[in-house]
Amino acid sequence: MKFVMNMVRKSFKKGDVIFDISEKSDDLYLINAGMAQIESSEGMVLATLAKGEMFGEMASILGERERTARAVALKPAVIDVIDSKTMQRRLGEADPVLRALVRNLTIRLADANELNERQWQMLKIYNSLSPGDIRQP
């Protein structure tokens, strides 16, 4: 069986936004050169990725949805953008147990990212207080 991959190679300059929060997309990204950083809506760094690593997999695996994170090029980067149909086709060929496992792990990762961001927001609020703002018991 011949495998066809729909892919577009794109170049990004340092600081370019690869995708942004709330964009509707389910493409998958593979770093060919350079580095990318994945950031939450509040600016928390979720991941720093380099050559050979993929990102955007949550939307690709779970289906089109709004992006919950931002991807930014940390240095000039060459990234292959793989359309979700390619990923869905490959997942469709996988064992059903493996498909379920990948989906469950993806959901757990999304939940963990959300929990981490909530904790990070609470820490930012706490760190912004001066000692006089904190009541002692």
N, C-alpha and C. Protein backbone atom coordinates (compact mmCIF):
# COMPACT_ATOMS: atom_id res chain seq x y z
N MET A 1 0.85 -1.18 0.00
CA MET A 1 0.00 0.00 0.00
C MET A 1 0.89 1.24 0.00
N LYS A 2 0.64 2.11 -0.94
CA LYS A 2 1.41 3.36 -1.02
C LYS A 2 0.76 4.39 -0.12
N PHE A 3 1.60 5.09 0.63
CA PHE A 3 1.12 6.11 1.56
C PHE A 3 1.34 7.49 0.96
N VAL A 4 0.28 8.26 0.84
CA VAL A 4 0.36 9.62 0.32
C VAL A 4 0.20 10.58 1.49
N MET A 5 1.12 11.52 1.59
CA MET A 5 1.06 12.51 2.67
C MET A 5 0.87 13.89 2.06
N ASN A 6 -0.21 14.54 2.45
CA ASN A 6 -0.44 15.92 2.02
C ASN A 6 0.29 16.84 2.98
N MET A 7 1.33 17.48 2.45
CA MET A 7 2.20 18.27 3.32
C MET A 7 2.69 19.50 2.56
N VAL A 8 2.83 20.59 3.31
CA VAL A 8 3.37 21.83 2.75
C VAL A 8 4.52 22.25 3.65
N ARG A 9 5.66 22.55 3.07
CA ARG A 9 6.82 23.00 3.84
C ARG A 9 6.78 24.52 3.92
N LYS A 10 6.90 25.05 5.16
CA LYS A 10 6.85 26.50 5.36
C LYS A 10 8.07 26.94 6.16
N SER A 11 8.50 28.15 5.88
CA SER A 11 9.61 28.75 6.63
C SER A 11 9.05 29.83 7.55
N PHE A 12 9.64 29.92 8.75
CA PHE A 12 9.23 30.91 9.73
C PHE A 12 10.46 31.63 10.26
N LYS A 13 10.31 32.93 10.49
CA LYS A 13 11.39 33.71 11.13
C LYS A 13 11.22 33.64 12.64
N LYS A 14 12.30 33.93 13.35
CA LYS A 14 12.24 33.98 14.80
C LYS A 14 11.11 34.92 15.23
N GLY A 15 10.25 34.43 16.12
CA GLY A 15 9.14 35.24 16.62
C GLY A 15 7.85 35.09 15.84
N ASP A 16 7.90 34.48 14.66
CA ASP A 16 6.67 34.28 13.89
C ASP A 16 5.72 33.35 14.63
N VAL A 17 4.43 33.68 14.58
CA VAL A 17 3.40 32.81 15.15
C VAL A 17 3.05 31.76 14.10
N ILE A 18 3.22 30.50 14.46
CA ILE A 18 2.94 29.39 13.55
C ILE A 18 1.44 29.12 13.53
N PHE A 19 0.84 29.06 14.70
CA PHE A 19 -0.62 29.10 14.83
C PHE A 19 -0.94 29.77 16.15
N ASP A 20 -2.16 30.31 16.23
CA ASP A 20 -2.52 31.09 17.42
C ASP A 20 -3.75 30.52 18.10
N ILE A 21 -3.92 30.95 19.33
CA ILE A 21 -5.05 30.54 20.14
C ILE A 21 -6.35 30.93 19.44
N SER A 22 -7.32 30.06 19.49
CA SER A 22 -8.67 30.23 18.92
C SER A 22 -8.74 30.00 17.42
N GLU A 23 -7.60 29.78 16.75
CA GLU A 23 -7.67 29.44 15.32
C GLU A 23 -8.30 28.07 15.18
N LYS A 24 -9.11 27.92 14.15
CA LYS A 24 -9.68 26.61 13.87
C LYS A 24 -8.74 25.90 12.90
N SER A 25 -8.18 24.82 13.37
CA SER A 25 -7.23 24.08 12.55
C SER A 25 -7.02 22.72 13.16
N ASP A 26 -6.78 21.74 12.33
CA ASP A 26 -6.43 20.42 12.84
C ASP A 26 -5.21 19.87 12.11
N ASP A 27 -4.39 20.78 11.58
CA ASP A 27 -3.15 20.36 10.93
C ASP A 27 -2.14 19.91 11.98
N LEU A 28 -1.18 19.15 11.53
CA LEU A 28 -0.11 18.63 12.37
C LEU A 28 1.19 19.23 11.85
N TYR A 29 2.14 19.52 12.73
CA TYR A 29 3.37 20.22 12.36
C TYR A 29 4.59 19.37 12.72
N LEU A 30 5.53 19.27 11.80
CA LEU A 30 6.77 18.54 12.00
C LEU A 30 7.93 19.50 11.76
N ILE A 31 8.80 19.64 12.77
CA ILE A 31 9.92 20.58 12.67
C ILE A 31 11.05 19.92 11.89
N ASN A 32 11.42 20.55 10.77
CA ASN A 32 12.54 20.09 9.94
C ASN A 32 13.84 20.76 10.38
N ALA A 33 13.74 22.01 10.77
CA ALA A 33 14.91 22.78 11.24
C ALA A 33 14.39 23.88 12.15
N GLY A 34 15.23 24.27 13.11
CA GLY A 34 14.85 25.35 14.02
C GLY A 34 14.17 24.82 15.27
N MET A 35 13.49 25.73 15.94
CA MET A 35 12.81 25.40 17.19
C MET A 35 11.48 26.15 17.28
N ALA A 36 10.54 25.55 18.02
CA ALA A 36 9.24 26.18 18.25
C ALA A 36 8.91 26.07 19.74
N GLN A 37 8.12 27.01 20.19
CA GLN A 37 7.66 27.01 21.58
C GLN A 37 6.14 27.00 21.58
N ILE A 38 5.56 26.18 22.43
CA ILE A 38 4.12 26.12 22.58
C ILE A 38 3.77 26.84 23.88
N GLU A 39 2.86 27.83 23.79
CA GLU A 39 2.51 28.67 24.92
C GLU A 39 1.01 28.63 25.17
N SER A 40 0.64 28.69 26.44
CA SER A 40 -0.77 28.74 26.81
C SER A 40 -1.31 30.14 26.56
N SER A 41 -2.61 30.30 26.77
CA SER A 41 -3.23 31.61 26.56
C SER A 41 -2.69 32.66 27.51
N GLU A 42 -2.16 32.24 28.66
CA GLU A 42 -1.59 33.17 29.63
C GLU A 42 -0.08 33.31 29.49
N GLY A 43 0.50 32.67 28.48
CA GLY A 43 1.93 32.80 28.24
C GLY A 43 2.80 31.75 28.92
N MET A 44 2.18 30.76 29.56
CA MET A 44 2.96 29.69 30.18
C MET A 44 3.55 28.80 29.08
N VAL A 45 4.84 28.50 29.18
CA VAL A 45 5.49 27.64 28.19
C VAL A 45 5.09 26.20 28.46
N LEU A 46 4.42 25.59 27.49
CA LEU A 46 3.98 24.20 27.61
C LEU A 46 5.03 23.24 27.05
N ALA A 47 5.78 23.71 26.04
CA ALA A 47 6.80 22.85 25.43
C ALA A 47 7.76 23.68 24.61
N THR A 48 9.00 23.22 24.55
CA THR A 48 10.01 23.77 23.66
C THR A 48 10.46 22.62 22.78
N LEU A 49 10.28 22.75 21.48
CA LEU A 49 10.47 21.64 20.55
C LEU A 49 11.55 21.95 19.52
N ALA A 50 12.22 20.90 19.05
CA ALA A 50 13.31 21.06 18.08
C ALA A 50 13.11 20.09 16.91
N LYS A 51 14.10 20.05 16.04
CA LYS A 51 14.07 19.24 14.82
C LYS A 51 13.61 17.80 15.12
N GLY A 52 12.68 17.34 14.29
CA GLY A 52 12.17 15.98 14.41
C GLY A 52 10.95 15.84 15.30
N GLU A 53 10.61 16.91 16.02
CA GLU A 53 9.45 16.83 16.92
C GLU A 53 8.20 17.36 16.24
N MET A 54 7.05 16.85 16.69
CA MET A 54 5.75 17.23 16.12
C MET A 54 4.94 17.98 17.16
N PHE A 55 4.03 18.80 16.67
CA PHE A 55 3.08 19.49 17.55
C PHE A 55 1.81 19.74 16.78
N GLY A 56 0.77 20.13 17.51
CA GLY A 56 -0.55 20.31 16.89
C GLY A 56 -1.31 19.01 16.83
N GLU A 57 -0.78 17.98 17.49
CA GLU A 57 -1.36 16.65 17.40
C GLU A 57 -2.72 16.54 18.08
N MET A 58 -2.95 17.36 19.10
CA MET A 58 -4.23 17.25 19.81
C MET A 58 -5.40 17.51 18.86
N ALA A 59 -5.33 18.61 18.15
CA ALA A 59 -6.42 18.95 17.22
C ALA A 59 -6.49 17.93 16.09
N SER A 60 -5.34 17.44 15.65
CA SER A 60 -5.31 16.46 14.57
C SER A 60 -5.96 15.14 14.99
N ILE A 61 -5.70 14.72 16.21
CA ILE A 61 -6.23 13.44 16.70
C ILE A 61 -7.69 13.57 17.11
N LEU A 62 -8.03 14.66 17.78
CA LEU A 62 -9.39 14.82 18.30
C LEU A 62 -10.35 15.43 17.29
N GLY A 63 -9.85 15.90 16.17
CA GLY A 63 -10.70 16.52 15.16
C GLY A 63 -10.63 18.02 15.25
N GLU A 64 -11.13 18.70 14.23
CA GLU A 64 -11.01 20.15 14.18
C GLU A 64 -11.64 20.78 15.41
N ARG A 65 -10.90 21.68 16.00
CA ARG A 65 -11.34 22.44 17.16
C ARG A 65 -10.49 23.68 17.24
N GLU A 66 -10.89 24.59 18.09
CA GLU A 66 -10.10 25.80 18.25
C GLU A 66 -8.81 25.47 18.98
N ARG A 67 -7.74 26.08 18.53
CA ARG A 67 -6.45 25.89 19.19
C ARG A 67 -6.52 26.49 20.59
N THR A 68 -5.95 25.78 21.55
CA THR A 68 -5.94 26.26 22.93
C THR A 68 -4.56 26.77 23.32
N ALA A 69 -3.63 26.72 22.38
CA ALA A 69 -2.27 27.19 22.63
C ALA A 69 -1.76 27.93 21.40
N ARG A 70 -0.63 28.59 21.58
CA ARG A 70 0.03 29.34 20.51
C ARG A 70 1.36 28.65 20.24
N ALA A 71 1.72 28.56 18.98
CA ALA A 71 3.03 28.02 18.60
C ALA A 71 3.83 29.16 17.96
N VAL A 72 5.06 29.37 18.46
CA VAL A 72 5.91 30.47 18.01
C VAL A 72 7.28 29.91 17.64
N ALA A 73 7.85 30.41 16.55
CA ALA A 73 9.20 30.02 16.17
C ALA A 73 10.21 30.68 17.12
N LEU A 74 11.03 29.88 17.78
CA LEU A 74 12.05 30.42 18.69
C LEU A 74 13.29 30.89 17.95
N LYS A 75 13.49 30.35 16.78
CA LYS A 75 14.58 30.74 15.89
C LYS A 75 14.08 30.43 14.48
N PRO A 76 14.78 30.87 13.45
CA PRO A 76 14.29 30.55 12.11
C PRO A 76 14.01 29.04 12.00
N ALA A 77 12.86 28.72 11.41
CA ALA A 77 12.43 27.32 11.39
C ALA A 77 11.85 26.94 10.03
N VAL A 78 12.03 25.68 9.69
CA VAL A 78 11.39 25.09 8.52
C VAL A 78 10.49 23.99 9.06
N ILE A 79 9.21 24.12 8.77
CA ILE A 79 8.21 23.22 9.36
C ILE A 79 7.31 22.66 8.27
N ASP A 80 7.12 21.34 8.34
CA ASP A 80 6.18 20.67 7.44
C ASP A 80 4.80 20.71 8.07
N VAL A 81 3.83 21.24 7.34
CA VAL A 81 2.44 21.29 7.80
C VAL A 81 1.73 20.13 7.11
N ILE A 82 1.28 19.18 7.92
CA ILE A 82 0.64 17.96 7.42
C ILE A 82 -0.85 18.08 7.67
N ASP A 83 -1.64 17.90 6.61
CA ASP A 83 -3.09 18.05 6.80
C ASP A 83 -3.65 16.90 7.63
N SER A 84 -4.74 17.17 8.31
CA SER A 84 -5.30 16.21 9.26
C SER A 84 -5.84 14.96 8.60
N LYS A 85 -6.23 15.06 7.35
CA LYS A 85 -6.75 13.87 6.66
C LYS A 85 -5.68 12.78 6.59
N THR A 86 -4.42 13.20 6.43
CA THR A 86 -3.31 12.25 6.43
C THR A 86 -3.23 11.55 7.78
N MET A 87 -3.30 12.31 8.85
CA MET A 87 -3.23 11.73 10.20
C MET A 87 -4.43 10.83 10.44
N GLN A 88 -5.61 11.29 10.08
CA GLN A 88 -6.82 10.49 10.30
C GLN A 88 -6.76 9.19 9.51
N ARG A 89 -6.24 9.24 8.30
CA ARG A 89 -6.09 8.03 7.49
C ARG A 89 -5.14 7.05 8.17
N ARG A 90 -4.01 7.56 8.67
CA ARG A 90 -3.05 6.69 9.35
C ARG A 90 -3.64 6.11 10.64
N LEU A 91 -4.34 6.93 11.41
CA LEU A 91 -4.98 6.42 12.62
C LEU A 91 -6.05 5.38 12.29
N GLY A 92 -6.76 5.61 11.20
CA GLY A 92 -7.79 4.66 10.78
C GLY A 92 -7.22 3.29 10.44
N GLU A 93 -5.96 3.26 10.02
CA GLU A 93 -5.29 1.99 9.68
C GLU A 93 -4.74 1.29 10.92
N ALA A 94 -4.69 1.98 12.04
CA ALA A 94 -4.09 1.43 13.26
C ALA A 94 -5.07 0.50 13.97
N ASP A 95 -4.54 -0.35 14.82
CA ASP A 95 -5.34 -1.24 15.64
C ASP A 95 -6.31 -0.39 16.48
N PRO A 96 -7.57 -0.81 16.61
CA PRO A 96 -8.56 -0.03 17.37
C PRO A 96 -8.14 0.24 18.82
N VAL A 97 -7.45 -0.70 19.43
CA VAL A 97 -6.99 -0.49 20.81
C VAL A 97 -5.95 0.62 20.85
N LEU A 98 -5.03 0.64 19.89
CA LEU A 98 -4.03 1.70 19.82
C LEU A 98 -4.68 3.05 19.52
N ARG A 99 -5.68 3.07 18.64
CA ARG A 99 -6.41 4.31 18.35
C ARG A 99 -7.03 4.86 19.62
N ALA A 100 -7.69 3.98 20.39
CA ALA A 100 -8.33 4.41 21.64
C ALA A 100 -7.28 4.91 22.63
N LEU A 101 -6.14 4.23 22.70
CA LEU A 101 -5.07 4.64 23.60
C LEU A 101 -4.54 6.03 23.23
N VAL A 102 -4.28 6.25 21.96
CA VAL A 102 -3.78 7.56 21.50
C VAL A 102 -4.80 8.64 21.82
N ARG A 103 -6.06 8.37 21.55
CA ARG A 103 -7.11 9.37 21.83
C ARG A 103 -7.19 9.66 23.33
N ASN A 104 -7.18 8.62 24.16
CA ASN A 104 -7.25 8.83 25.61
C ASN A 104 -6.05 9.60 26.13
N LEU A 105 -4.86 9.28 25.67
CA LEU A 105 -3.66 10.00 26.10
C LEU A 105 -3.72 11.46 25.66
N THR A 106 -4.25 11.70 24.48
CA THR A 106 -4.38 13.07 23.98
C THR A 106 -5.34 13.87 24.86
N ILE A 107 -6.45 13.27 25.24
CA ILE A 107 -7.42 13.94 26.12
C ILE A 107 -6.79 14.21 27.47
N ARG A 108 -6.04 13.25 28.00
CA ARG A 108 -5.39 13.46 29.30
C ARG A 108 -4.35 14.58 29.23
N LEU A 109 -3.62 14.66 28.13
CA LEU A 109 -2.64 15.73 27.97
C LEU A 109 -3.34 17.09 27.92
N ALA A 110 -4.44 17.17 27.19
CA ALA A 110 -5.19 18.43 27.12
C ALA A 110 -5.68 18.82 28.50
N ASP A 111 -6.19 17.85 29.27
CA ASP A 111 -6.65 18.13 30.63
C ASP A 111 -5.50 18.57 31.53
N ALA A 112 -4.34 17.92 31.40
CA ALA A 112 -3.17 18.29 32.22
C ALA A 112 -2.70 19.69 31.88
N ASN A 113 -2.69 20.06 30.60
CA ASN A 113 -2.30 21.41 30.21
C ASN A 113 -3.24 22.44 30.82
N GLU A 114 -4.54 22.14 30.81
CA GLU A 114 -5.52 23.07 31.38
C GLU A 114 -5.32 23.22 32.89
N LEU A 115 -5.10 22.12 33.58
CA LEU A 115 -4.86 22.16 35.02
C LEU A 115 -3.57 22.93 35.33
N ASN A 116 -2.51 22.67 34.58
CA ASN A 116 -1.25 23.39 34.79
C ASN A 116 -1.44 24.89 34.61
N GLU A 117 -2.20 25.27 33.60
CA GLU A 117 -2.41 26.70 33.37
C GLU A 117 -3.19 27.34 34.52
N ARG A 118 -4.21 26.65 35.03
CA ARG A 118 -4.97 27.20 36.17
C ARG A 118 -4.06 27.37 37.38
N GLN A 119 -3.23 26.37 37.65
CA GLN A 119 -2.30 26.47 38.78
C GLN A 119 -1.30 27.60 38.57
N TRP A 120 -0.83 27.76 37.34
CA TRP A 120 0.13 28.81 37.01
C TRP A 120 -0.50 30.18 37.20
N GLN A 121 -1.77 30.33 36.82
CA GLN A 121 -2.47 31.60 37.01
C GLN A 121 -2.60 31.93 38.49
N MET A 122 -2.92 30.93 39.31
CA MET A 122 -3.04 31.15 40.75
C MET A 122 -1.68 31.54 41.34
N LEU A 123 -0.62 30.92 40.87
CA LEU A 123 0.71 31.25 41.36
C LEU A 123 1.09 32.69 40.98
N LYS A 124 0.74 33.10 39.76
CA LYS A 124 1.01 34.48 39.34
C LYS A 124 0.30 35.48 40.25
N ILE A 125 -0.95 35.18 40.60
CA ILE A 125 -1.69 36.07 41.49
C ILE A 125 -1.01 36.12 42.85
N TYR A 126 -0.65 34.97 43.38
CA TYR A 126 0.01 34.91 44.69
C TYR A 126 1.33 35.66 44.66
N ASN A 127 2.12 35.45 43.61
CA ASN A 127 3.43 36.11 43.50
C ASN A 127 3.31 37.62 43.34
N SER A 128 2.17 38.10 42.86
CA SER A 128 2.00 39.54 42.65
C SER A 128 1.66 40.27 43.95
N LEU A 129 1.33 39.52 44.98
CA LEU A 129 0.98 40.15 46.27
C LEU A 129 2.24 40.54 47.04
N SER A 130 2.15 41.65 47.72
CA SER A 130 3.25 42.04 48.60
C SER A 130 3.00 41.39 49.97
N PRO A 131 4.03 41.30 50.79
CA PRO A 131 3.83 40.68 52.12
C PRO A 131 2.70 41.35 52.91
N GLY A 132 2.52 42.65 52.73
CA GLY A 132 1.45 43.33 53.46
C GLY A 132 0.06 42.98 52.98
N ASP A 133 -0.03 42.45 51.75
CA ASP A 133 -1.34 42.05 51.21
C ASP A 133 -1.82 40.71 51.74
N ILE A 134 -0.94 39.95 52.36
CA ILE A 134 -1.28 38.61 52.81
C ILE A 134 -1.62 38.64 54.29
N ARG A 135 -2.80 38.20 54.62
CA ARG A 135 -3.24 38.16 56.02
C ARG A 135 -2.64 36.95 56.71
N GLN A 136 -2.15 37.19 57.86
CA GLN A 136 -1.61 36.08 58.67
C GLN A 136 -2.73 35.53 59.53
N PRO A 137 -2.79 34.22 59.73
CA PRO A 137 -3.86 33.63 60.57
C PRO A 137 -3.70 34.00 62.02
